[in-house]
Amino acid sequence: TADDLGRLAAPAMPLEELAGAADLLVVEAD
């Protein structure tokens, strides 16, 4: 993102695809 903190937003890849590519997907959802 463009903020001063250097934060990341949601990934470009769909979360379902990420879950399929890993044994475990952990998502910060709040």
All heavy atoms as atom14 arrays in JSON, in Angstrom:
{
  "sequence": "TADDLGRLAAPAMPLEELAGAADLLVVEAD",
  "atom14_mask": [
    [1, 1, 1, 1, 1, 1, 1, 0, 0, 0, 0, 0, 0, 0],
    [1, 1, 1, 1, 1, 0, 0, 0, 0, 0, 0, 0, 0, 0],
    [1, 1, 1, 1, 1, 1, 1, 1, 0, 0, 0, 0, 0, 0],
    [1, 1, 1, 1, 1, 1, 1, 1, 0, 0, 0, 0, 0, 0],
    [1, 1, 1, 1, 1, 1, 1, 1, 0, 0, 0, 0, 0, 0],
    [1, 1, 1, 1, 0, 0, 0, 0, 0, 0, 0, 0, 0, 0],
    [1, 1, 1, 1, 1, 1, 1, 1, 1, 1, 1, 0, 0, 0],
    [1, 1, 1, 1, 1, 1, 1, 1, 0, 0, 0, 0, 0, 0],
    [1, 1, 1, 1, 1, 0, 0, 0, 0, 0, 0, 0, 0, 0],
    [1, 1, 1, 1, 1, 0, 0, 0, 0, 0, 0, 0, 0, 0],
    [1, 1, 1, 1, 1, 1, 1, 0, 0, 0, 0, 0, 0, 0],
    [1, 1, 1, 1, 1, 0, 0, 0, 0, 0, 0, 0, 0, 0],
    [1, 1, 1, 1, 1, 1, 1, 1, 0, 0, 0, 0, 0, 0],
    [1, 1, 1, 1, 1, 1, 1, 0, 0, 0, 0, 0, 0, 0],
    [1, 1, 1, 1, 1, 1, 1, 1, 0, 0, 0, 0, 0, 0],
    [1, 1, 1, 1, 1, 1, 1, 1, 1, 0, 0, 0, 0, 0],
    [1, 1, 1, 1, 1, 1, 1, 1, 1, 0, 0, 0, 0, 0],
    [1, 1, 1, 1, 1, 1, 1, 1, 0, 0, 0, 0, 0, 0],
    [1, 1, 1, 1, 1, 0, 0, 0, 0, 0, 0, 0, 0, 0],
    [1, 1, 1, 1, 0, 0, 0, 0, 0, 0, 0, 0, 0, 0],
    [1, 1, 1, 1, 1, 0, 0, 0, 0, 0, 0, 0, 0, 0],
    [1, 1, 1, 1, 1, 0, 0, 0, 0, 0, 0, 0, 0, 0],
    [1, 1, 1, 1, 1, 1, 1, 1, 0, 0, 0, 0, 0, 0],
    [1, 1, 1, 1, 1, 1, 1, 1, 0, 0, 0, 0, 0, 0],
    [1, 1, 1, 1, 1, 1, 1, 1, 0, 0, 0, 0, 0, 0],
    [1, 1, 1, 1, 1, 1, 1, 0, 0, 0, 0, 0, 0, 0],
    [1, 1, 1, 1, 1, 1, 1, 0, 0, 0, 0, 0, 0, 0],
    [1, 1, 1, 1, 1, 1, 1, 1, 1, 0, 0, 0, 0, 0],
    [1, 1, 1, 1, 1, 0, 0, 0, 0, 0, 0, 0, 0, 0],
    [1, 1, 1, 1, 1, 1, 1, 1, 0, 0, 0, 0, 0, 0]
  ],
  "atom14_positions": [
    [[0.85, -1.19, 0.0], [0.0, 0.0, 0.0], [0.89, 1.24, 0.0], [2.1, 1.15, 0.16], [-0.91, 0.03, 1.24], [-0.1, 0.19, 2.42], [-1.72, -1.26, 1.36], [0.0, 0.0, 0.0], [0.0, 0.0, 0.0], [0.0, 0.0, 0.0], [0.0, 0.0, 0.0], [0.0, 0.0, 0.0], [0.0, 0.0, 0.0], [0.0, 0.0, 0.0]],
    [[0.26, 2.38, -0.16], [1.02, 3.63, -0.21], [1.11, 4.32, 1.14], [1.6, 5.45, 1.22], [0.37, 4.57, -1.23], [0.0, 0.0, 0.0], [0.0, 0.0, 0.0], [0.0, 0.0, 0.0], [0.0, 0.0, 0.0], [0.0, 0.0, 0.0], [0.0, 0.0, 0.0], [0.0, 0.0, 0.0], [0.0, 0.0, 0.0], [0.0, 0.0, 0.0]],
    [[0.68, 3.66, 2.21], [0.69, 4.35, 3.5], [2.11, 4.41, 4.07], [3.01, 3.68, 3.67], [-0.3, 3.73, 4.48], [0.11, 2.35, 5.0], [1.27, 1.96, 4.82], [-0.74, 1.68, 5.58], [0.0, 0.0, 0.0], [0.0, 0.0, 0.0], [0.0, 0.0, 0.0], [0.0, 0.0, 0.0], [0.0, 0.0, 0.0], [0.0, 0.0, 0.0]],
    [[2.3, 5.31, 5.02], [3.62, 5.56, 5.6], [4.12, 4.4, 6.46], [5.31, 4.31, 6.77], [3.6, 6.84, 6.44], [3.35, 8.08, 5.59], [3.64, 8.04, 4.39], [2.82, 9.06, 6.14], [0.0, 0.0, 0.0], [0.0, 0.0, 0.0], [0.0, 0.0, 0.0], [0.0, 0.0, 0.0], [0.0, 0.0, 0.0], [0.0, 0.0, 0.0]],
    [[3.21, 3.53, 6.88], [3.6, 2.43, 7.76], [4.17, 1.24, 7.01], [4.75, 0.34, 7.62], [2.38, 1.96, 8.58], [1.75, 3.01, 9.51], [0.5, 2.45, 10.17], [2.76, 3.45, 10.57], [0.0, 0.0, 0.0], [0.0, 0.0, 0.0], [0.0, 0.0, 0.0], [0.0, 0.0, 0.0], [0.0, 0.0, 0.0], [0.0, 0.0, 0.0]],
    [[4.0, 1.21, 5.7], [4.48, 0.07, 4.92], [3.6, -1.15, 5.03], [4.07, -2.29, 4.85], [0.0, 0.0, 0.0], [0.0, 0.0, 0.0], [0.0, 0.0, 0.0], [0.0, 0.0, 0.0], [0.0, 0.0, 0.0], [0.0, 0.0, 0.0], [0.0, 0.0, 0.0], [0.0, 0.0, 0.0], [0.0, 0.0, 0.0], [0.0, 0.0, 0.0]],
    [[2.32, -0.93, 5.3], [1.42, -2.07, 5.47], [1.11, -2.75, 4.15], [1.22, -2.16, 3.08], [0.11, -1.62, 6.13], [0.26, -1.11, 7.54], [-1.09, -0.78, 8.14], [-1.8, 0.22, 7.35], [-3.08, 0.56, 7.53], [-3.79, -0.06, 8.47], [-3.64, 1.5, 6.79], [0.0, 0.0, 0.0], [0.0, 0.0, 0.0], [0.0, 0.0, 0.0]],
    [[0.7, -4.0, 4.27], [0.25, -4.79, 3.12], [-1.26, -4.93, 3.17], [-1.86, -5.05, 4.25], [0.88, -6.18, 3.14], [2.4, -6.27, 3.11], [2.84, -7.71, 3.33], [2.96, -5.72, 1.8], [0.0, 0.0, 0.0], [0.0, 0.0, 0.0], [0.0, 0.0, 0.0], [0.0, 0.0, 0.0], [0.0, 0.0, 0.0], [0.0, 0.0, 0.0]],
    [[-1.87, -4.92, 2.0], [-3.3, -5.21, 1.88], [-3.47, -6.65, 1.42], [-2.51, -7.42, 1.31], [-3.94, -4.24, 0.9], [0.0, 0.0, 0.0], [0.0, 0.0, 0.0], [0.0, 0.0, 0.0], [0.0, 0.0, 0.0], [0.0, 0.0, 0.0], [0.0, 0.0, 0.0], [0.0, 0.0, 0.0], [0.0, 0.0, 0.0], [0.0, 0.0, 0.0]],
    [[-4.7, -7.03, 1.15], [-5.01, -8.4, 0.73], [-4.2, -8.77, -0.5], [-3.93, -7.93, -1.37], [-6.5, -8.53, 0.45], [0.0, 0.0, 0.0], [0.0, 0.0, 0.0], [0.0, 0.0, 0.0], [0.0, 0.0, 0.0], [0.0, 0.0, 0.0], [0.0, 0.0, 0.0], [0.0, 0.0, 0.0], [0.0, 0.0, 0.0], [0.0, 0.0, 0.0]],
    [[-3.78, -10.02, -0.61], [-2.95, -10.45, -1.75], [-3.72, -10.45, -3.06], [-4.95, -10.54, -3.07], [-2.53, -11.87, -1.35], [-3.59, -12.34, -0.41], [-4.04, -11.12, 0.35], [0.0, 0.0, 0.0], [0.0, 0.0, 0.0], [0.0, 0.0, 0.0], [0.0, 0.0, 0.0], [0.0, 0.0, 0.0], [0.0, 0.0, 0.0], [0.0, 0.0, 0.0]],
    [[-2.96, -10.36, -4.15], [-3.58, -10.42, -5.49], [-4.12, -11.81, -5.78], [-5.11, -11.97, -6.5], [-2.55, -10.01, -6.54], [0.0, 0.0, 0.0], [0.0, 0.0, 0.0], [0.0, 0.0, 0.0], [0.0, 0.0, 0.0], [0.0, 0.0, 0.0], [0.0, 0.0, 0.0], [0.0, 0.0, 0.0], [0.0, 0.0, 0.0], [0.0, 0.0, 0.0]],
    [[-3.49, -12.81, -5.22], [-3.93, -14.19, -5.44], [-5.15, -14.5, -4.56], [-5.17, -14.13, -3.38], [-2.8, -15.17, -5.09], [-1.62, -15.09, -6.04], [-0.16, -16.0, -5.43], [0.56, -14.78, -4.32], [0.0, 0.0, 0.0], [0.0, 0.0, 0.0], [0.0, 0.0, 0.0], [0.0, 0.0, 0.0], [0.0, 0.0, 0.0], [0.0, 0.0, 0.0]],
    [[-6.17, -15.15, -5.08], [-7.33, -15.51, -4.27], [-6.91, -16.37, -3.07], [-6.03, -17.23, -3.19], [-8.22, -16.3, -5.24], [-7.78, -15.86, -6.6], [-6.32, -15.59, -6.49], [0.0, 0.0, 0.0], [0.0, 0.0, 0.0], [0.0, 0.0, 0.0], [0.0, 0.0, 0.0], [0.0, 0.0, 0.0], [0.0, 0.0, 0.0], [0.0, 0.0, 0.0]],
    [[-7.55, -16.14, -1.95], [-7.19, -16.89, -0.74], [-7.42, -18.39, -0.92], [-6.69, -19.21, -0.37], [-7.98, -16.36, 0.46], [-7.63, -14.94, 0.89], [-8.53, -14.5, 2.04], [-6.17, -14.84, 1.31], [0.0, 0.0, 0.0], [0.0, 0.0, 0.0], [0.0, 0.0, 0.0], [0.0, 0.0, 0.0], [0.0, 0.0, 0.0], [0.0, 0.0, 0.0]],
    [[-8.42, -18.75, -1.69], [-8.67, -20.18, -1.93], [-7.48, -20.82, -2.64], [-7.12, -21.97, -2.36], [-9.94, -20.37, -2.76], [-11.24, -20.03, -2.02], [-11.48, -18.54, -1.9], [-10.72, -17.75, -2.52], [-12.43, -18.15, -1.2], [0.0, 0.0, 0.0], [0.0, 0.0, 0.0], [0.0, 0.0, 0.0], [0.0, 0.0, 0.0], [0.0, 0.0, 0.0]],
    [[-6.86, -20.08, -3.57], [-5.68, -20.61, -4.25], [-4.5, -20.71, -3.29], [-3.73, -21.68, -3.36], [-5.31, -19.7, -5.43], [-6.24, -19.81, -6.62], [-5.71, -19.05, -7.82], [-4.48, -18.79, -7.87], [-6.52, -18.7, -8.7], [0.0, 0.0, 0.0], [0.0, 0.0, 0.0], [0.0, 0.0, 0.0], [0.0, 0.0, 0.0], [0.0, 0.0, 0.0]],
    [[-4.37, -19.74, -2.41], [-3.28, -19.78, -1.43], [-3.46, -20.98, -0.5], [-2.5, -21.66, -0.15], [-3.24, -18.49, -0.62], [-2.84, -17.23, -1.39], [-2.92, -16.01, -0.48], [-1.43, -17.37, -1.95], [0.0, 0.0, 0.0], [0.0, 0.0, 0.0], [0.0, 0.0, 0.0], [0.0, 0.0, 0.0], [0.0, 0.0, 0.0], [0.0, 0.0, 0.0]],
    [[-4.7, -21.22, -0.08], [-4.97, -22.36, 0.79], [-4.63, -23.67, 0.08], [-4.15, -24.62, 0.71], [-6.43, -22.36, 1.23], [0.0, 0.0, 0.0], [0.0, 0.0, 0.0], [0.0, 0.0, 0.0], [0.0, 0.0, 0.0], [0.0, 0.0, 0.0], [0.0, 0.0, 0.0], [0.0, 0.0, 0.0], [0.0, 0.0, 0.0], [0.0, 0.0, 0.0]],
    [[-4.87, -23.72, -1.22], [-4.55, -24.92, -1.97], [-3.07, -25.13, -2.17], [-2.62, -26.26, -2.36], [0.0, 0.0, 0.0], [0.0, 0.0, 0.0], [0.0, 0.0, 0.0], [0.0, 0.0, 0.0], [0.0, 0.0, 0.0], [0.0, 0.0, 0.0], [0.0, 0.0, 0.0], [0.0, 0.0, 0.0], [0.0, 0.0, 0.0], [0.0, 0.0, 0.0]],
    [[-2.3, -24.02, -2.12], [-0.85, -24.13, -2.35], [-0.08, -24.42, -1.08], [1.13, -24.69, -1.13], [-0.34, -22.82, -2.96], [0.0, 0.0, 0.0], [0.0, 0.0, 0.0], [0.0, 0.0, 0.0], [0.0, 0.0, 0.0], [0.0, 0.0, 0.0], [0.0, 0.0, 0.0], [0.0, 0.0, 0.0], [0.0, 0.0, 0.0], [0.0, 0.0, 0.0]],
    [[-0.74, -24.37, 0.07], [-0.05, -24.54, 1.35], [-0.74, -25.61, 2.18], [-1.87, -26.0, 1.92], [-0.04, -23.22, 2.11], [0.0, 0.0, 0.0], [0.0, 0.0, 0.0], [0.0, 0.0, 0.0], [0.0, 0.0, 0.0], [0.0, 0.0, 0.0], [0.0, 0.0, 0.0], [0.0, 0.0, 0.0], [0.0, 0.0, 0.0], [0.0, 0.0, 0.0]],
    [[-0.03, -26.07, 3.19], [-0.65, -26.96, 4.17], [-1.51, -26.19, 5.15], [-2.48, -26.71, 5.7], [0.43, -27.74, 4.93], [1.24, -28.63, 4.01], [0.64, -29.44, 3.28], [2.48, -28.5, 4.0], [0.0, 0.0, 0.0], [0.0, 0.0, 0.0], [0.0, 0.0, 0.0], [0.0, 0.0, 0.0], [0.0, 0.0, 0.0], [0.0, 0.0, 0.0]],
    [[-1.12, -24.92, 5.38], [-1.88, -24.07, 6.29], [-1.82, -22.63, 5.81], [-0.73, -22.1, 5.53], [-1.33, -24.16, 7.72], [-2.05, -23.31, 8.77], [-3.49, -23.8, 8.97], [-1.31, -23.35, 10.11], [0.0, 0.0, 0.0], [0.0, 0.0, 0.0], [0.0, 0.0, 0.0], [0.0, 0.0, 0.0], [0.0, 0.0, 0.0], [0.0, 0.0, 0.0]],
    [[-2.97, -21.98, 5.72], [-3.09, -20.56, 5.44], [-3.62, -19.88, 6.7], [-4.65, -20.29, 7.23], [-4.05, -20.32, 4.27], [-4.47, -18.87, 4.0], [-3.28, -18.03, 3.57], [-5.58, -18.84, 2.93], [0.0, 0.0, 0.0], [0.0, 0.0, 0.0], [0.0, 0.0, 0.0], [0.0, 0.0, 0.0], [0.0, 0.0, 0.0], [0.0, 0.0, 0.0]],
    [[-2.9, -18.87, 7.19], [-3.33, -18.13, 8.38], [-3.6, -16.7, 7.95], [-2.72, -16.03, 7.4], [-2.28, -18.18, 9.5], [-2.88, -17.64, 10.8], [-1.77, -19.6, 9.71], [0.0, 0.0, 0.0], [0.0, 0.0, 0.0], [0.0, 0.0, 0.0], [0.0, 0.0, 0.0], [0.0, 0.0, 0.0], [0.0, 0.0, 0.0], [0.0, 0.0, 0.0]],
    [[-4.82, -16.22, 8.2], [-5.26, -14.94, 7.68], [-5.62, -13.98, 8.81], [-6.44, -14.31, 9.68], [-6.5, -15.12, 6.77], [-6.96, -13.77, 6.22], [-6.2, -16.09, 5.64], [0.0, 0.0, 0.0], [0.0, 0.0, 0.0], [0.0, 0.0, 0.0], [0.0, 0.0, 0.0], [0.0, 0.0, 0.0], [0.0, 0.0, 0.0], [0.0, 0.0, 0.0]],
    [[-4.99, -12.81, 8.8], [-5.41, -11.74, 9.71], [-6.63, -11.08, 9.1], [-6.54, -10.46, 8.02], [-4.29, -10.73, 9.94], [-4.64, -9.69, 10.98], [-3.44, -8.9, 11.46], [-2.37, -9.51, 11.67], [-3.58, -7.68, 11.65], [0.0, 0.0, 0.0], [0.0, 0.0, 0.0], [0.0, 0.0, 0.0], [0.0, 0.0, 0.0], [0.0, 0.0, 0.0]],
    [[-7.78, -11.2, 9.76], [-9.05, -10.82, 9.15], [-9.76, -9.7, 9.89], [-10.99, -9.62, 9.87], [-9.95, -12.06, 9.08], [0.0, 0.0, 0.0], [0.0, 0.0, 0.0], [0.0, 0.0, 0.0], [0.0, 0.0, 0.0], [0.0, 0.0, 0.0], [0.0, 0.0, 0.0], [0.0, 0.0, 0.0], [0.0, 0.0, 0.0], [0.0, 0.0, 0.0]],
    [[-8.99, -8.82, 10.53], [-9.59, -7.79, 11.36], [-8.58, -6.68, 11.58], [-7.38, -6.85, 11.36], [-10.0, -8.4, 12.71], [-11.24, -7.77, 13.32], [-11.69, -6.73, 12.82], [-11.75, -8.33, 14.29], [0.0, 0.0, 0.0], [0.0, 0.0, 0.0], [0.0, 0.0, 0.0], [0.0, 0.0, 0.0], [0.0, 0.0, 0.0], [0.0, 0.0, 0.0]]
  ]
}
